[in-house]
Amino acid sequence: MKESASKDLSDHTPMMQQYLKLKAQHPEILLFYRMGDFYELFYDDAKRASQLLGYLADEARRFRGRTDSDGRDPPSRG
């Protein structure tokens, strides 16, 4: 979904409304949005970051769950 695809923000949550307004003001940047202890990328930004960083969204979902696909703790990251 492109951020600009939905002009009517009333269909979105307040958080997503804020995100979409900020993104409309700065379409050229990757907008990291803080969600609790993590920063998230949405829509085209997530796809672009994945391409730029060689990072798969599924890896992030698995890491967020704090376990790998076998239920073990993920390796320490630095």
C-alpha atoms as a PDB file:
ATOM      1  CA  MET A   1       0.000   0.000   0.000  1.00  0.00           C
ATOM      2  CA  LYS A   2       1.291   3.403  -0.867  1.00  0.00           C
ATOM      3  CA  GLU A   3       1.000   6.012   1.851  1.00  0.00           C
ATOM      4  CA  SER A   4      -0.658   8.384  -0.595  1.00  0.00           C
ATOM      5  CA  ALA A   5      -3.247   5.777  -1.603  1.00  0.00           C
ATOM      6  CA  SER A   6      -5.618   6.762   1.189  1.00  0.00           C
ATOM      7  CA  LYS A   7      -6.531  10.454   1.399  1.00  0.00           C
ATOM      8  CA  ASP A   8      -9.303   9.824   3.976  1.00  0.00           C
ATOM      9  CA  LEU A   9      -7.431   9.344   7.232  1.00  0.00           C
ATOM     10  CA  SER A  10     -10.584   8.719   9.286  1.00  0.00           C
ATOM     11  CA  ASP A  11     -10.404   5.016   8.391  1.00  0.00           C
ATOM     12  CA  HIS A  12      -7.066   4.730  10.218  1.00  0.00           C
ATOM     13  CA  THR A  13      -6.116   4.536  13.868  1.00  0.00           C
ATOM     14  CA  PRO A  14      -4.853   7.760  15.488  1.00  0.00           C
ATOM     15  CA  MET A  15      -1.300   6.385  15.399  1.00  0.00           C
ATOM     16  CA  MET A  16      -1.510   5.610  11.685  1.00  0.00           C
ATOM     17  CA  GLN A  17      -3.141   8.985  10.998  1.00  0.00           C
ATOM     18  CA  GLN A  18      -0.138  10.678  12.601  1.00  0.00           C
ATOM     19  CA  TYR A  19       2.267   8.470  10.648  1.00  0.00           C
ATOM     20  CA  LEU A  20       0.546   9.189   7.321  1.00  0.00           C
ATOM     21  CA  LYS A  21       0.498  12.955   7.969  1.00  0.00           C
ATOM     22  CA  LEU A  22       4.212  12.963   8.788  1.00  0.00           C
ATOM     23  CA  LYS A  23       5.005  10.779   5.785  1.00  0.00           C
ATOM     24  CA  ALA A  24       3.024  13.093   3.480  1.00  0.00           C
ATOM     25  CA  GLN A  25       5.128  16.019   4.714  1.00  0.00           C
ATOM     26  CA  HIS A  26       8.399  14.125   4.153  1.00  0.00           C
ATOM     27  CA  PRO A  27       7.844  11.525   1.407  1.00  0.00           C
ATOM     28  CA  GLU A  28      11.549  11.234   0.564  1.00  0.00           C
ATOM     29  CA  ILE A  29      12.699   9.952   3.971  1.00  0.00           C
ATOM     30  CA  LEU A  30      12.463   6.568   5.644  1.00  0.00           C
ATOM     31  CA  LEU A  31      10.182   7.295   8.589  1.00  0.00           C
ATOM     32  CA  PHE A  32      10.936   5.149  11.631  1.00  0.00           C
ATOM     33  CA  TYR A  33       7.955   5.211  14.001  1.00  0.00           C
ATOM     34  CA  ARG A  34       8.426   4.286  17.655  1.00  0.00           C
ATOM     35  CA  MET A  35       6.080   1.560  18.856  1.00  0.00           C
ATOM     36  CA  GLY A  36       6.842   0.802  22.489  1.00  0.00           C
ATOM     37  CA  ASP A  37      10.463  -0.350  22.709  1.00  0.00           C
ATOM     38  CA  PHE A  38      10.871  -0.747  18.944  1.00  0.00           C
ATOM     39  CA  TYR A  39      10.963   1.411  15.844  1.00  0.00           C
ATOM     40  CA  GLU A  40       8.784   0.304  12.939  1.00  0.00           C
ATOM     41  CA  LEU A  41       8.725   1.034   9.225  1.00  0.00           C
ATOM     42  CA  PHE A  42       5.446   0.813   7.325  1.00  0.00           C
ATOM     43  CA  TYR A  43       4.287   0.286   3.756  1.00  0.00           C
ATOM     44  CA  ASP A  44       6.749   1.396   1.073  1.00  0.00           C
ATOM     45  CA  ASP A  45       9.333   2.423   3.683  1.00  0.00           C
ATOM     46  CA  ALA A  46       9.482  -1.168   4.962  1.00  0.00           C
ATOM     47  CA  LYS A  47       9.942  -2.509   1.435  1.00  0.00           C
ATOM     48  CA  ARG A  48      12.598   0.093   0.626  1.00  0.00           C
ATOM     49  CA  ALA A  49      14.527  -0.561   3.844  1.00  0.00           C
ATOM     50  CA  SER A  50      14.399  -4.297   3.185  1.00  0.00           C
ATOM     51  CA  GLN A  51      15.954  -3.750  -0.233  1.00  0.00           C
ATOM     52  CA  LEU A  52      18.550  -1.274   1.024  1.00  0.00           C
ATOM     53  CA  LEU A  53      19.575  -3.353   4.026  1.00  0.00           C
ATOM     54  CA  GLY A  54      19.058  -6.846   2.637  1.00  0.00           C
ATOM     55  CA  TYR A  55      16.751  -7.504   5.576  1.00  0.00           C
ATOM     56  CA  LEU A  56      13.608  -9.590   5.445  1.00  0.00           C
ATOM     57  CA  ALA A  57      10.474  -8.526   7.289  1.00  0.00           C
ATOM     58  CA  ASP A  58       9.938 -12.126   8.447  1.00  0.00           C
ATOM     59  CA  GLU A  59      13.242 -11.982  10.312  1.00  0.00           C
ATOM     60  CA  ALA A  60      11.996  -8.957  12.245  1.00  0.00           C
ATOM     61  CA  ARG A  61       8.748 -10.680  13.152  1.00  0.00           C
ATOM     62  CA  ARG A  62      10.601 -13.740  14.402  1.00  0.00           C
ATOM     63  CA  PHE A  63      13.086 -11.623  16.382  1.00  0.00           C
ATOM     64  CA  ARG A  64      10.315  -9.515  17.902  1.00  0.00           C
ATOM     65  CA  GLY A  65       8.874 -12.713  19.346  1.00  0.00           C
ATOM     66  CA  ARG A  66      12.242 -13.188  21.082  1.00  0.00           C
ATOM     67  CA  THR A  67      12.577 -16.726  19.787  1.00  0.00           C
ATOM     68  CA  ASP A  68      13.620 -18.305  16.536  1.00  0.00           C
ATOM     69  CA  SER A  69      11.443 -20.691  14.553  1.00  0.00           C
ATOM     70  CA  ASP A  70      12.503 -23.558  16.857  1.00  0.00           C
ATOM     71  CA  GLY A  71      11.578 -21.663  20.027  1.00  0.00           C
ATOM     72  CA  ARG A  72      15.168 -20.880  21.065  1.00  0.00           C
ATOM     73  CA  ASP A  73      16.460 -17.500  22.188  1.00  0.00           C
ATOM     74  CA  PRO A  74      17.928 -15.480  19.294  1.00  0.00           C
ATOM     75  CA  PRO A  75      21.687 -14.903  19.210  1.00  0.00           C
ATOM     76  CA  SER A  76      22.972 -11.784  20.927  1.00  0.00           C
ATOM     77  CA  ARG A  77      23.305  -8.784  18.625  1.00  0.00           C
ATOM     78  CA  GLY A  78      26.379  -6.897  19.702  1.00  0.00           C
END
